[in-house]
């Protein structure tokens, strides 16, 4: 069974060739190859909370620290944690893989 990526779950339209790309740009999570495979996702599709510039709550989110509270209460985030547990790859591991210190 394939895992659902954030752009599929949230239907944001910011994946490559998505409906909202012209308005908001391509989401960095859909292109972040260093996160490919984390929690079973394509690129950053199941690690979006650790990637700056994702589209949540109707607007583009900034740096990880600025969006942390919003992401931790997101239904998609909690579903990924639940689906992946006990093999969930958490934020610290994702940020290290992305080279964020």
PDB file of N, CA and C in Angstrom:
ATOM      1  N   UNK A   1       0.836  -1.177   0.000  1.00  0.00           N
ATOM      2  CA  UNK A   1       0.000   0.000   0.000  1.00  0.00           C
ATOM      3  C   UNK A   1       0.886   1.247   0.000  1.00  0.00           C
ATOM      4  N   UNK A   2       0.651   2.172  -0.914  1.00  0.00           N
ATOM      5  CA  UNK A   2       1.470   3.374  -0.978  1.00  0.00           C
ATOM      6  C   UNK A   2       1.019   4.374   0.079  1.00  0.00           C
ATOM      7  N   UNK A   3       1.959   5.157   0.526  1.00  0.00           N
ATOM      8  CA  UNK A   3       1.691   6.167   1.546  1.00  0.00           C
ATOM      9  C   UNK A   3       1.194   7.443   0.877  1.00  0.00           C
ATOM     10  N   UNK A   4       0.294   8.137   1.535  1.00  0.00           N
ATOM     11  CA  UNK A   4      -0.240   9.400   1.025  1.00  0.00           C
ATOM     12  C   UNK A   4       0.733  10.516   1.393  1.00  0.00           C
ATOM     13  N   UNK A   5       1.080  11.332   0.420  1.00  0.00           N
ATOM     14  CA  UNK A   5       1.943  12.485   0.643  1.00  0.00           C
ATOM     15  C   UNK A   5       1.094  13.684   1.028  1.00  0.00           C
ATOM     16  N   UNK A   6       1.726  14.701   1.625  1.00  0.00           N
ATOM     17  CA  UNK A   6       0.990  15.858   2.144  1.00  0.00           C
ATOM     18  C   UNK A   6       0.163  16.548   1.062  1.00  0.00           C
ATOM     19  N   UNK A   7       0.715  16.723  -0.126  1.00  0.00           N
ATOM     20  CA  UNK A   7      -0.037  17.427  -1.178  1.00  0.00           C
ATOM     21  C   UNK A   7      -1.263  16.649  -1.624  1.00  0.00           C
ATOM     22  N   UNK A   8      -1.232  15.327  -1.457  1.00  0.00           N
ATOM     23  CA  UNK A   8      -2.404  14.508  -1.761  1.00  0.00           C
ATOM     24  C   UNK A   8      -3.436  14.625  -0.633  1.00  0.00           C
ATOM     25  N   UNK A   9      -2.965  14.538   0.590  1.00  0.00           N
ATOM     26  CA  UNK A   9      -3.871  14.613   1.745  1.00  0.00           C
ATOM     27  C   UNK A   9      -4.503  15.994   1.874  1.00  0.00           C
ATOM     28  N   UNK A  10      -3.712  17.028   1.700  1.00  0.00           N
ATOM     29  CA  UNK A  10      -4.187  18.396   1.892  1.00  0.00           C
ATOM     30  C   UNK A  10      -4.798  18.993   0.623  1.00  0.00           C
ATOM     31  N   UNK A  11      -4.557  18.353  -0.509  1.00  0.00           N
ATOM     32  CA  UNK A  11      -5.060  18.815  -1.805  1.00  0.00           C
ATOM     33  C   UNK A  11      -4.754  20.298  -2.020  1.00  0.00           C
ATOM     34  N   UNK A  12      -3.502  20.651  -1.769  1.00  0.00           N
ATOM     35  CA  UNK A  12      -3.083  22.058  -1.847  1.00  0.00           C
ATOM     36  C   UNK A  12      -2.827  22.533  -3.273  1.00  0.00           C
ATOM     37  N   UNK A  13      -2.569  21.615  -4.194  1.00  0.00           N
ATOM     38  CA  UNK A  13      -2.330  21.996  -5.579  1.00  0.00           C
ATOM     39  C   UNK A  13      -0.952  22.568  -5.849  1.00  0.00           C
ATOM     40  N   UNK A  14      -0.011  22.396  -4.918  1.00  0.00           N
ATOM     41  CA  UNK A  14       1.338  22.941  -5.101  1.00  0.00           C
ATOM     42  C   UNK A  14       2.365  21.899  -5.527  1.00  0.00           C
ATOM     43  N   UNK A  15       1.940  20.675  -5.800  1.00  0.00           N
ATOM     44  CA  UNK A  15       2.853  19.679  -6.342  1.00  0.00           C
ATOM     45  C   UNK A  15       3.170  20.059  -7.797  1.00  0.00           C
ATOM     46  N   UNK A  16       4.249  19.543  -8.397  1.00  0.00           N
ATOM     47  CA  UNK A  16       4.541  19.879  -9.798  1.00  0.00           C
ATOM     48  C   UNK A  16       3.306  19.667 -10.679  1.00  0.00           C
ATOM     49  N   UNK A  17       3.015  20.632 -11.519  1.00  0.00           N
ATOM     50  CA  UNK A  17       1.838  20.684 -12.385  1.00  0.00           C
ATOM     51  C   UNK A  17       0.517  20.790 -11.617  1.00  0.00           C
ATOM     52  N   UNK A  18       0.566  21.178 -10.358  1.00  0.00           N
ATOM     53  CA  UNK A  18      -0.643  21.314  -9.551  1.00  0.00           C
ATOM     54  C   UNK A  18      -1.417  22.579  -9.902  1.00  0.00           C
ATOM     55  N   UNK A  19      -2.664  22.620  -9.494  1.00  0.00           N
ATOM     56  CA  UNK A  19      -3.580  23.709  -9.835  1.00  0.00           C
ATOM     57  C   UNK A  19      -3.186  25.058  -9.235  1.00  0.00           C
ATOM     58  N   UNK A  20      -2.438  25.079  -8.147  1.00  0.00           N
ATOM     59  CA  UNK A  20      -2.085  26.335  -7.476  1.00  0.00           C
ATOM     60  C   UNK A  20      -0.625  26.745  -7.688  1.00  0.00           C
ATOM     61  N   UNK A  21       0.086  26.032  -8.534  1.00  0.00           N
ATOM     62  CA  UNK A  21       1.513  26.326  -8.741  1.00  0.00           C
ATOM     63  C   UNK A  21       1.725  27.732  -9.284  1.00  0.00           C
ATOM     64  N   UNK A  22       0.913  28.159 -10.209  1.00  0.00           N
ATOM     65  CA  UNK A  22       1.087  29.490 -10.777  1.00  0.00           C
ATOM     66  C   UNK A  22       0.869  30.579  -9.736  1.00  0.00           C
ATOM     67  N   UNK A  23      -0.069  30.354  -8.851  1.00  0.00           N
ATOM     68  CA  UNK A  23      -0.395  31.346  -7.825  1.00  0.00           C
ATOM     69  C   UNK A  23       0.608  31.352  -6.668  1.00  0.00           C
ATOM     70  N   UNK A  24       1.007  30.152  -6.188  1.00  0.00           N
ATOM     71  CA  UNK A  24       1.840  30.051  -4.995  1.00  0.00           C
ATOM     72  C   UNK A  24       3.217  29.439  -5.220  1.00  0.00           C
ATOM     73  N   UNK A  25       3.454  28.851  -6.377  1.00  0.00           N
ATOM     74  CA  UNK A  25       4.719  28.178  -6.652  1.00  0.00           C
ATOM     75  C   UNK A  25       4.663  26.711  -6.257  1.00  0.00           C
ATOM     76  N   UNK A  26       5.679  25.969  -6.677  1.00  0.00           N
ATOM     77  CA  UNK A  26       5.771  24.543  -6.344  1.00  0.00           C
ATOM     78  C   UNK A  26       6.227  24.426  -4.888  1.00  0.00           C
ATOM     79  N   UNK A  27       5.571  23.584  -4.152  1.00  0.00           N
ATOM     80  CA  UNK A  27       5.891  23.398  -2.739  1.00  0.00           C
ATOM     81  C   UNK A  27       7.265  22.752  -2.585  1.00  0.00           C
ATOM     82  N   UNK A  28       8.090  23.295  -1.699  1.00  0.00           N
ATOM     83  CA  UNK A  28       9.406  22.710  -1.462  1.00  0.00           C
ATOM     84  C   UNK A  28       9.341  21.256  -0.997  1.00  0.00           C
ATOM     85  N   UNK A  29       8.291  20.873  -0.285  1.00  0.00           N
ATOM     86  CA  UNK A  29       8.183  19.480   0.176  1.00  0.00           C
ATOM     87  C   UNK A  29       8.092  18.520  -1.007  1.00  0.00           C
ATOM     88  N   UNK A  30       7.421  18.930  -2.064  1.00  0.00           N
ATOM     89  CA  UNK A  30       7.261  18.042  -3.224  1.00  0.00           C
ATOM     90  C   UNK A  30       8.553  17.890  -4.018  1.00  0.00           C
ATOM     91  N   UNK A  31       9.523  18.754  -3.762  1.00  0.00           N
ATOM     92  CA  UNK A  31      10.785  18.709  -4.505  1.00  0.00           C
ATOM     93  C   UNK A  31      11.994  18.363  -3.647  1.00  0.00           C
ATOM     94  N   UNK A  32      11.825  18.251  -2.352  1.00  0.00           N
ATOM     95  CA  UNK A  32      12.956  18.028  -1.446  1.00  0.00           C
ATOM     96  C   UNK A  32      13.435  16.576  -1.503  1.00  0.00           C
ATOM     97  N   UNK A  33      14.357  16.321  -2.421  1.00  0.00           N
ATOM     98  CA  UNK A  33      14.834  14.959  -2.665  1.00  0.00           C
ATOM     99  C   UNK A  33      15.632  14.380  -1.501  1.00  0.00           C
ATOM    100  N   UNK A  34      16.234  15.228  -0.683  1.00  0.00           N
ATOM    101  CA  UNK A  34      16.987  14.710   0.472  1.00  0.00           C
ATOM    102  C   UNK A  34      16.063  14.036   1.475  1.00  0.00           C
ATOM    103  N   UNK A  35      14.776  14.328   1.411  1.00  0.00           N
ATOM    104  CA  UNK A  35      13.802  13.711   2.313  1.00  0.00           C
ATOM    105  C   UNK A  35      13.080  12.534   1.664  1.00  0.00           C
ATOM    106  N   UNK A  36      13.466  12.180   0.459  1.00  0.00           N
ATOM    107  CA  UNK A  36      12.800  11.091  -0.254  1.00  0.00           C
ATOM    108  C   UNK A  36      12.856   9.794   0.554  1.00  0.00           C
ATOM    109  N   UNK A  37      11.708   9.183   0.728  1.00  0.00           N
ATOM    110  CA  UNK A  37      11.610   7.913   1.441  1.00  0.00           C
ATOM    111  C   UNK A  37      11.355   8.047   2.930  1.00  0.00           C
ATOM    112  N   UNK A  38      11.552   9.231   3.494  1.00  0.00           N
ATOM    113  CA  UNK A  38      11.298   9.399   4.920  1.00  0.00           C
ATOM    114  C   UNK A  38       9.821   9.137   5.186  1.00  0.00           C
ATOM    115  N   UNK A  39       9.565   8.292   6.153  1.00  0.00           N
ATOM    116  CA  UNK A  39       8.198   7.900   6.539  1.00  0.00           C
ATOM    117  C   UNK A  39       7.389   7.379   5.349  1.00  0.00           C
ATOM    118  N   UNK A  40       8.085   6.838   4.340  1.00  0.00           N
ATOM    119  CA  UNK A  40       7.427   6.235   3.190  1.00  0.00           C
ATOM    120  C   UNK A  40       6.941   7.218   2.141  1.00  0.00           C
ATOM    121  N   UNK A  41       7.385   8.464   2.216  1.00  0.00           N
ATOM    122  CA  UNK A  41       6.911   9.490   1.293  1.00  0.00           C
ATOM    123  C   UNK A  41       7.786   9.702   0.079  1.00  0.00           C
ATOM    124  N   UNK A  42       7.231  10.415  -0.888  1.00  0.00           N
ATOM    125  CA  UNK A  42       7.965  10.838  -2.082  1.00  0.00           C
ATOM    126  C   UNK A  42       8.553  12.207  -1.771  1.00  0.00           C
ATOM    127  N   UNK A  43       9.861  12.348  -1.974  1.00  0.00           N
ATOM    128  CA  UNK A  43      10.567  13.576  -1.619  1.00  0.00           C
ATOM    129  C   UNK A  43      10.195  13.953  -0.182  1.00  0.00           C
ATOM    130  N   UNK A  44       9.726  15.155   0.085  1.00  0.00           N
ATOM    131  CA  UNK A  44       9.365  15.552   1.449  1.00  0.00           C
ATOM    132  C   UNK A  44       7.898  15.400   1.762  1.00  0.00           C
ATOM    133  N   UNK A  45       7.212  14.552   1.042  1.00  0.00           N
ATOM    134  CA  UNK A  45       5.767  14.413   1.177  1.00  0.00           C
ATOM    135  C   UNK A  45       5.260  13.875   2.490  1.00  0.00           C
ATOM    136  N   UNK A  46       6.146  13.253   3.269  1.00  0.00           N
ATOM    137  CA  UNK A  46       5.750  12.777   4.602  1.00  0.00           C
ATOM    138  C   UNK A  46       6.753  13.281   5.642  1.00  0.00           C
ATOM    139  N   UNK A  47       7.315  14.456   5.340  1.00  0.00           N
ATOM    140  CA  UNK A  47       8.240  15.147   6.247  1.00  0.00           C
ATOM    141  C   UNK A  47       8.037  16.653   6.127  1.00  0.00           C
ATOM    142  N   UNK A  48       6.885  17.067   5.640  1.00  0.00           N
ATOM    143  CA  UNK A  48       6.608  18.462   5.286  1.00  0.00           C
ATOM    144  C   UNK A  48       6.771  19.426   6.450  1.00  0.00           C
ATOM    145  N   UNK A  49       6.489  18.976   7.666  1.00  0.00           N
ATOM    146  CA  UNK A  49       6.571  19.840   8.844  1.00  0.00           C
ATOM    147  C   UNK A  49       7.982  20.332   9.105  1.00  0.00           C
ATOM    148  N   UNK A  50       8.981  19.674   8.562  1.00  0.00           N
ATOM    149  CA  UNK A  50      10.375  20.070   8.788  1.00  0.00           C
ATOM    150  C   UNK A  50      10.949  20.856   7.605  1.00  0.00           C
ATOM    151  N   UNK A  51      10.117  21.151   6.616  1.00  0.00           N
ATOM    152  CA  UNK A  51      10.584  21.814   5.391  1.00  0.00           C
ATOM    153  C   UNK A  51       9.965  23.201   5.295  1.00  0.00           C
ATOM    154  N   UNK A  52      10.807  24.216   5.186  1.00  0.00           N
ATOM    155  CA  UNK A  52      10.340  25.601   5.088  1.00  0.00           C
ATOM    156  C   UNK A  52       9.633  25.830   3.756  1.00  0.00           C
ATOM    157  N   UNK A  53       8.632  26.715   3.774  1.00  0.00           N
ATOM    158  CA  UNK A  53       7.947  27.125   2.557  1.00  0.00           C
ATOM    159  C   UNK A  53       6.773  26.285   2.142  1.00  0.00           C
ATOM    160  N   UNK A  54       6.335  25.371   3.006  1.00  0.00           N
ATOM    161  CA  UNK A  54       5.166  24.565   2.671  1.00  0.00           C
ATOM    162  C   UNK A  54       3.905  25.416   2.783  1.00  0.00           C
ATOM    163  N   UNK A  55       2.819  24.936   2.219  1.00  0.00           N
ATOM    164  CA  UNK A  55       1.558  25.677   2.136  1.00  0.00           C
ATOM    165  C   UNK A  55       0.568  25.081   3.123  1.00  0.00           C
ATOM    166  N   UNK A  56       0.314  25.782   4.215  1.00  0.00           N
ATOM    167  CA  UNK A  56      -0.597  25.269   5.231  1.00  0.00           C
ATOM    168  C   UNK A  56      -1.477  26.399   5.734  1.00  0.00           C
ATOM    169  N   UNK A  57      -2.679  26.072   6.077  1.00  0.00           N
ATOM    170  CA  UNK A  57      -3.575  27.068   6.634  1.00  0.00           C
ATOM    171  C   UNK A  57      -3.879  28.202   5.674  1.00  0.00           C
ATOM    172  N   UNK A  58      -3.821  27.923   4.367  1.00  0.00           N
ATOM    173  CA  UNK A  58      -4.160  28.932   3.374  1.00  0.00           C
ATOM    174  C   UNK A  58      -3.060  29.897   3.025  1.00  0.00           C
ATOM    175  N   UNK A  59      -1.834  29.654   3.548  1.00  0.00           N
ATOM    176  CA  UNK A  59      -0.732  30.542   3.206  1.00  0.00           C
ATOM    177  C   UNK A  59       0.595  29.796   3.247  1.00  0.00           C
ATOM    178  N   UNK A  60       1.575  30.365   2.582  1.00  0.00           N
ATOM    179  CA  UNK A  60       2.910  29.779   2.573  1.00  0.00           C
ATOM    180  C   UNK A  60       3.524  29.969   3.949  1.00  0.00           C
ATOM    181  N   UNK A  61       4.037  28.878   4.511  1.00  0.00           N
ATOM    182  CA  UNK A  61       4.657  28.905   5.832  1.00  0.00           C
ATOM    183  C   UNK A  61       6.146  29.174   5.698  1.00  0.00           C
ATOM    184  N   UNK A  62       6.723  29.786   6.685  1.00  0.00           N
ATOM    185  CA  UNK A  62       8.134  30.144   6.664  1.00  0.00           C
ATOM    186  C   UNK A  62       9.032  29.057   7.207  1.00  0.00           C
ATOM    187  N   UNK A  63      10.035  29.481   7.938  1.00  0.00           N
ATOM    188  CA  UNK A  63      11.037  28.581   8.502  1.00  0.00           C
ATOM    189  C   UNK A  63      10.388  27.567   9.443  1.00  0.00           C
ATOM    190  N   UNK A  64      11.086  26.484   9.644  1.00  0.00           N
ATOM    191  CA  UNK A  64      10.602  25.406  10.502  1.00  0.00           C
ATOM    192  C   UNK A  64      10.173  25.920  11.870  1.00  0.00           C
ATOM    193  N   UNK A  65      11.002  26.716  12.511  1.00  0.00           N
ATOM    194  CA  UNK A  65      10.703  27.203  13.861  1.00  0.00           C
ATOM    195  C   UNK A  65       9.423  28.032  13.889  1.00  0.00           C
ATOM    196  N   UNK A  66       9.168  28.788  12.833  1.00  0.00           N
ATOM    197  CA  UNK A  66       7.992  29.658  12.778  1.00  0.00           C
ATOM    198  C   UNK A  66       6.702  28.884  12.583  1.00  0.00           C
ATOM    199  N   UNK A  67       6.775  27.698  11.997  1.00  0.00           N
ATOM    200  CA  UNK A  67       5.558  26.950  11.690  1.00  0.00           C
ATOM    201  C   UNK A  67       5.344  25.731  12.582  1.00  0.00           C
ATOM    202  N   UNK A  68       6.224  25.510  13.523  1.00  0.00           N
ATOM    203  CA  UNK A  68       6.208  24.307  14.347  1.00  0.00           C
ATOM    204  C   UNK A  68       4.864  24.060  15.032  1.00  0.00           C
ATOM    205  N   UNK A  69       4.315  25.060  15.709  1.00  0.00           N
ATOM    206  CA  UNK A  69       3.052  24.862  16.421  1.00  0.00           C
ATOM    207  C   UNK A  69       1.921  24.464  15.481  1.00  0.00           C
ATOM    208  N   UNK A  70       1.843  25.132  14.327  1.00  0.00           N
ATOM    209  CA  UNK A  70       0.816  24.828  13.339  1.00  0.00           C
ATOM    210  C   UNK A  70       0.954  23.377  12.864  1.00  0.00           C
ATOM    211  N   UNK A  71       2.159  22.958  12.578  1.00  0.00           N
ATOM    212  CA  UNK A  71       2.386  21.608  12.049  1.00  0.00           C
ATOM    213  C   UNK A  71       2.103  20.518  13.078  1.00  0.00           C
ATOM    214  N   UNK A  72       2.485  20.745  14.320  1.00  0.00           N
ATOM    215  CA  UNK A  72       2.306  19.719  15.347  1.00  0.00           C
ATOM    216  C   UNK A  72       0.819  19.460  15.638  1.00  0.00           C
ATOM    217  N   UNK A  73      -0.046  20.398  15.292  1.00  0.00           N
ATOM    218  CA  UNK A  73      -1.484  20.184  15.490  1.00  0.00           C
ATOM    219  C   UNK A  73      -2.202  19.785  14.198  1.00  0.00           C
ATOM    220  N   UNK A  74      -1.446  19.574  13.131  1.00  0.00           N
ATOM    221  CA  UNK A  74      -2.005  19.217  11.828  1.00  0.00           C
ATOM    222  C   UNK A  74      -2.438  17.748  11.803  1.00  0.00           C
ATOM    223  N   UNK A  75      -3.611  17.498  11.261  1.00  0.00           N
ATOM    224  CA  UNK A  75      -4.132  16.122  11.164  1.00  0.00           C
ATOM    225  C   UNK A  75      -3.233  15.244  10.305  1.00  0.00           C
ATOM    226  N   UNK A  76      -2.612  15.818   9.266  1.00  0.00           N
ATOM    227  CA  UNK A  76      -1.722  15.016   8.430  1.00  0.00           C
ATOM    228  C   UNK A  76      -0.498  14.577   9.231  1.00  0.00           C
ATOM    229  N   UNK A  77       0.105  15.495   9.959  1.00  0.00           N
ATOM    230  CA  UNK A  77       1.269  15.164  10.791  1.00  0.00           C
ATOM    231  C   UNK A  77       0.927  14.042  11.769  1.00  0.00           C
ATOM    232  N   UNK A  78      -0.172  14.184  12.491  1.00  0.00           N
ATOM    233  CA  UNK A  78      -0.523  13.167  13.474  1.00  0.00           C
ATOM    234  C   UNK A  78      -0.834  11.826  12.809  1.00  0.00           C
ATOM    235  N   UNK A  79      -1.379  11.846  11.599  1.00  0.00           N
ATOM    236  CA  UNK A  79      -1.641  10.577  10.910  1.00  0.00           C
ATOM    237  C   UNK A  79      -0.335   9.900  10.484  1.00  0.00           C
ATOM    238  N   UNK A  80       0.653  10.676  10.054  1.00  0.00           N
ATOM    239  CA  UNK A  80       1.950  10.099   9.676  1.00  0.00           C
ATOM    240  C   UNK A  80       2.603   9.454  10.902  1.00  0.00           C
ATOM    241  N   UNK A  81       2.604  10.167  12.016  1.00  0.00           N
ATOM    242  CA  UNK A  81       3.190   9.616  13.246  1.00  0.00           C
ATOM    243  C   UNK A  81       2.496   8.310  13.611  1.00  0.00           C
ATOM    244  N   UNK A  82       1.188   8.309  13.578  1.00  0.00           N
ATOM    245  CA  UNK A  82       0.407   7.123  13.928  1.00  0.00           C
ATOM    246  C   UNK A  82       0.659   5.960  12.966  1.00  0.00           C
ATOM    247  N   UNK A  83       0.652   6.246  11.675  1.00  0.00           N
ATOM    248  CA  UNK A  83       0.862   5.201  10.664  1.00  0.00           C
ATOM    249  C   UNK A  83       2.266   4.612  10.740  1.00  0.00           C
ATOM    250  N   UNK A  84       3.241   5.420  11.042  1.00  0.00           N
ATOM    251  CA  UNK A  84       4.633   4.989  11.006  1.00  0.00           C
ATOM    252  C   UNK A  84       5.134   4.393  12.319  1.00  0.00           C
ATOM    253  N   UNK A  85       4.451   4.690  13.419  1.00  0.00           N
ATOM    254  CA  UNK A  85       4.938   4.237  14.715  1.00  0.00           C
ATOM    255  C   UNK A  85       5.043   2.734  14.774  1.00  0.00           C
ATOM    256  N   UNK A  86       6.106   2.141  15.247  1.00  0.00           N
ATOM    257  CA  UNK A  86       7.245   2.706  15.959  1.00  0.00           C
ATOM    258  C   UNK A  86       8.426   3.075  15.055  1.00  0.00           C
ATOM    259  N   UNK A  87       8.226   3.031  13.758  1.00  0.00           N
ATOM    260  CA  UNK A  87       9.311   3.331  12.813  1.00  0.00           C
ATOM    261  C   UNK A  87       9.257   4.763  12.287  1.00  0.00           C
ATOM    262  N   UNK A  88       8.573   5.626  12.997  1.00  0.00           N
ATOM    263  CA  UNK A  88       8.445   7.030  12.616  1.00  0.00           C
ATOM    264  C   UNK A  88       9.811   7.720  12.634  1.00  0.00           C
ATOM    265  N   UNK A  89      10.112   8.446  11.571  1.00  0.00           N
ATOM    266  CA  UNK A  89      11.332   9.248  11.495  1.00  0.00           C
ATOM    267  C   UNK A  89      10.948  10.672  11.882  1.00  0.00           C
ATOM    268  N   UNK A  90      11.434  11.112  13.023  1.00  0.00           N
ATOM    269  CA  UNK A  90      11.028  12.378  13.600  1.00  0.00           C
ATOM    270  C   UNK A  90      11.753  13.595  13.067  1.00  0.00           C
ATOM    271  N   UNK A  91      11.356  14.717  13.601  1.00  0.00           N
ATOM    272  CA  UNK A  91      11.825  16.021  13.140  1.00  0.00           C
ATOM    273  C   UNK A  91      13.338  16.164  13.246  1.00  0.00           C
ATOM    274  N   UNK A  92      13.925  15.743  14.347  1.00  0.00           N
ATOM    275  CA  UNK A  92      15.382  15.889  14.525  1.00  0.00           C
ATOM    276  C   UNK A  92      16.124  15.109  13.441  1.00  0.00           C
ATOM    277  N   UNK A  93      15.686  13.902  13.178  1.00  0.00           N
ATOM    278  CA  UNK A  93      16.307  13.082  12.132  1.00  0.00           C
ATOM    279  C   UNK A  93      16.114  13.708  10.746  1.00  0.00           C
ATOM    280  N   UNK A  94      14.941  14.230  10.485  1.00  0.00           N
ATOM    281  CA  UNK A  94      14.651  14.862   9.179  1.00  0.00           C
ATOM    282  C   UNK A  94      15.529  16.093   8.990  1.00  0.00           C
ATOM    283  N   UNK A  95      15.586  16.943  10.005  1.00  0.00           N
ATOM    284  CA  UNK A  95      16.409  18.153   9.909  1.00  0.00           C
ATOM    285  C   UNK A  95      17.875  17.810   9.703  1.00  0.00           C
ATOM    286  N   UNK A  96      18.371  16.771  10.347  1.00  0.00           N
ATOM    287  CA  UNK A  96      19.762  16.348  10.144  1.00  0.00           C
ATOM    288  C   UNK A  96      19.988  15.893   8.710  1.00  0.00           C
ATOM    289  N   UNK A  97      19.026  15.163   8.154  1.00  0.00           N
ATOM    290  CA  UNK A  97      19.143  14.697   6.782  1.00  0.00           C
ATOM    291  C   UNK A  97      19.123  15.868   5.793  1.00  0.00           C
ATOM    292  N   UNK A  98      18.397  16.932   6.162  1.00  0.00           N
ATOM    293  CA  UNK A  98      18.317  18.128   5.315  1.00  0.00           C
ATOM    294  C   UNK A  98      19.517  19.053   5.515  1.00  0.00           C
ATOM    295  N   UNK A  99      20.348  18.742   6.506  1.00  0.00           N
ATOM    296  CA  UNK A  99      21.516  19.576   6.783  1.00  0.00           C
ATOM    297  C   UNK A  99      21.205  20.823   7.584  1.00  0.00           C
ATOM    298  N   UNK A 100      20.055  20.837   8.276  1.00  0.00           N
ATOM    299  CA  UNK A 100      19.668  21.971   9.105  1.00  0.00           C
ATOM    300  C   UNK A 100      20.208  21.730  10.507  1.00  0.00           C
ATOM    301  N   UNK A 101      20.842  22.739  11.064  1.00  0.00           N
ATOM    302  CA  UNK A 101      21.425  22.600  12.405  1.00  0.00           C
ATOM    303  C   UNK A 101      20.658  23.410  13.402  1.00  0.00           C
TER     304      UNK A 101
END
